[in-house]
Protein backbone atom coordinates (compact mmCIF):
# COMPACT_ATOMS: atom_id res chain seq x y z
CA MET A 1 -0.38 -0.20 0.10
CA LYS A 2 1.01 3.46 -0.86
CA PRO A 3 -0.36 6.88 0.45
CA VAL A 4 -1.87 9.08 -1.89
CA ILE A 5 -2.66 12.91 -2.01
CA SER A 6 -5.92 14.46 -3.64
CA GLU A 7 -5.87 17.59 -5.66
CA THR A 8 -7.80 18.52 -2.68
CA CYS A 9 -4.79 19.68 -0.37
CA ILE A 10 -4.30 22.92 0.81
CA ALA A 11 -0.78 22.64 2.04
CA CYS A 12 -1.49 23.06 5.29
CA GLY A 13 1.55 20.94 6.07
CA THR A 14 0.42 19.18 8.63
CA CYS A 15 1.21 15.70 6.97
CA GLU A 16 4.68 16.93 6.60
CA ALA A 17 5.05 17.84 10.63
CA LEU A 18 3.44 14.68 11.31
CA CYS A 19 5.70 12.48 8.90
CA PRO A 20 8.69 14.08 7.38
CA GLU A 21 9.90 11.03 6.13
CA VAL A 22 6.82 10.54 3.68
CA PHE A 23 5.34 13.70 2.71
CA LYS A 24 6.94 17.06 1.73
CA ILE A 25 4.96 20.49 0.57
CA GLU A 26 6.45 21.33 -2.74
CA ASP A 27 5.35 23.98 -5.73
CA GLN A 28 3.41 21.62 -8.22
CA GLY A 29 3.63 24.35 -10.87
CA ASP A 30 -0.07 25.96 -10.38
CA LYS A 31 -0.30 25.40 -6.78
CA MET A 32 1.46 24.25 -3.44
CA MET A 33 0.54 20.83 -2.44
CA ALA A 34 1.95 17.68 -0.63
CA VAL A 35 3.37 15.17 -2.22
CA VAL A 36 4.73 11.47 -1.22
CA GLN A 37 8.58 10.80 -1.00
CA PRO A 38 9.82 7.61 -1.62
CA ALA A 39 10.08 5.48 1.63
CA ASP A 40 9.05 2.34 3.50
CA TYR A 41 5.28 2.91 3.50
CA GLN A 42 4.68 -0.13 6.46
CA LYS A 43 7.63 1.31 8.90
CA HIS A 44 6.00 4.74 8.66
CA LYS A 45 2.45 3.66 8.81
CA ASP A 46 1.54 4.60 12.02
CA LYS A 47 2.61 8.27 11.22
CA ILE A 48 1.41 8.08 8.04
CA ASP A 49 -2.42 7.26 9.59
CA GLU A 50 -1.99 10.06 11.90
CA ALA A 51 -1.38 12.46 9.21
CA LEU A 52 -4.32 10.91 7.36
CA ALA A 53 -6.25 11.31 10.51
CA ALA A 54 -4.96 14.91 10.62
CA CYS A 55 -5.54 16.11 7.31
CA PRO A 56 -8.29 19.11 7.71
CA VAL A 57 -9.34 18.43 4.04
CA GLN A 58 -9.26 14.46 3.90
CA ALA A 59 -6.71 14.76 0.90
CA ILE A 60 -4.61 11.42 2.05
CA SER A 61 -5.61 8.03 1.47
CA TRP A 62 -4.31 4.63 1.04
CA GLU A 63 -3.63 3.13 -2.59
CA GLU A 64 -3.67 -0.64 -2.95
């Protein structure tokens, strides 16, 4: 499984603050948004789940 970020992301930085190993706020050309970095997602699963729950616009999900 891999975390994914939807276009609803508002680049608030919550996910990056909770799990900087996986999430990073970057300029995506037309807007700032979180992107998923290459990482061992299973190793960081608890922190990813915490970021998923904390996202104010529910922009993070798991892709199987």
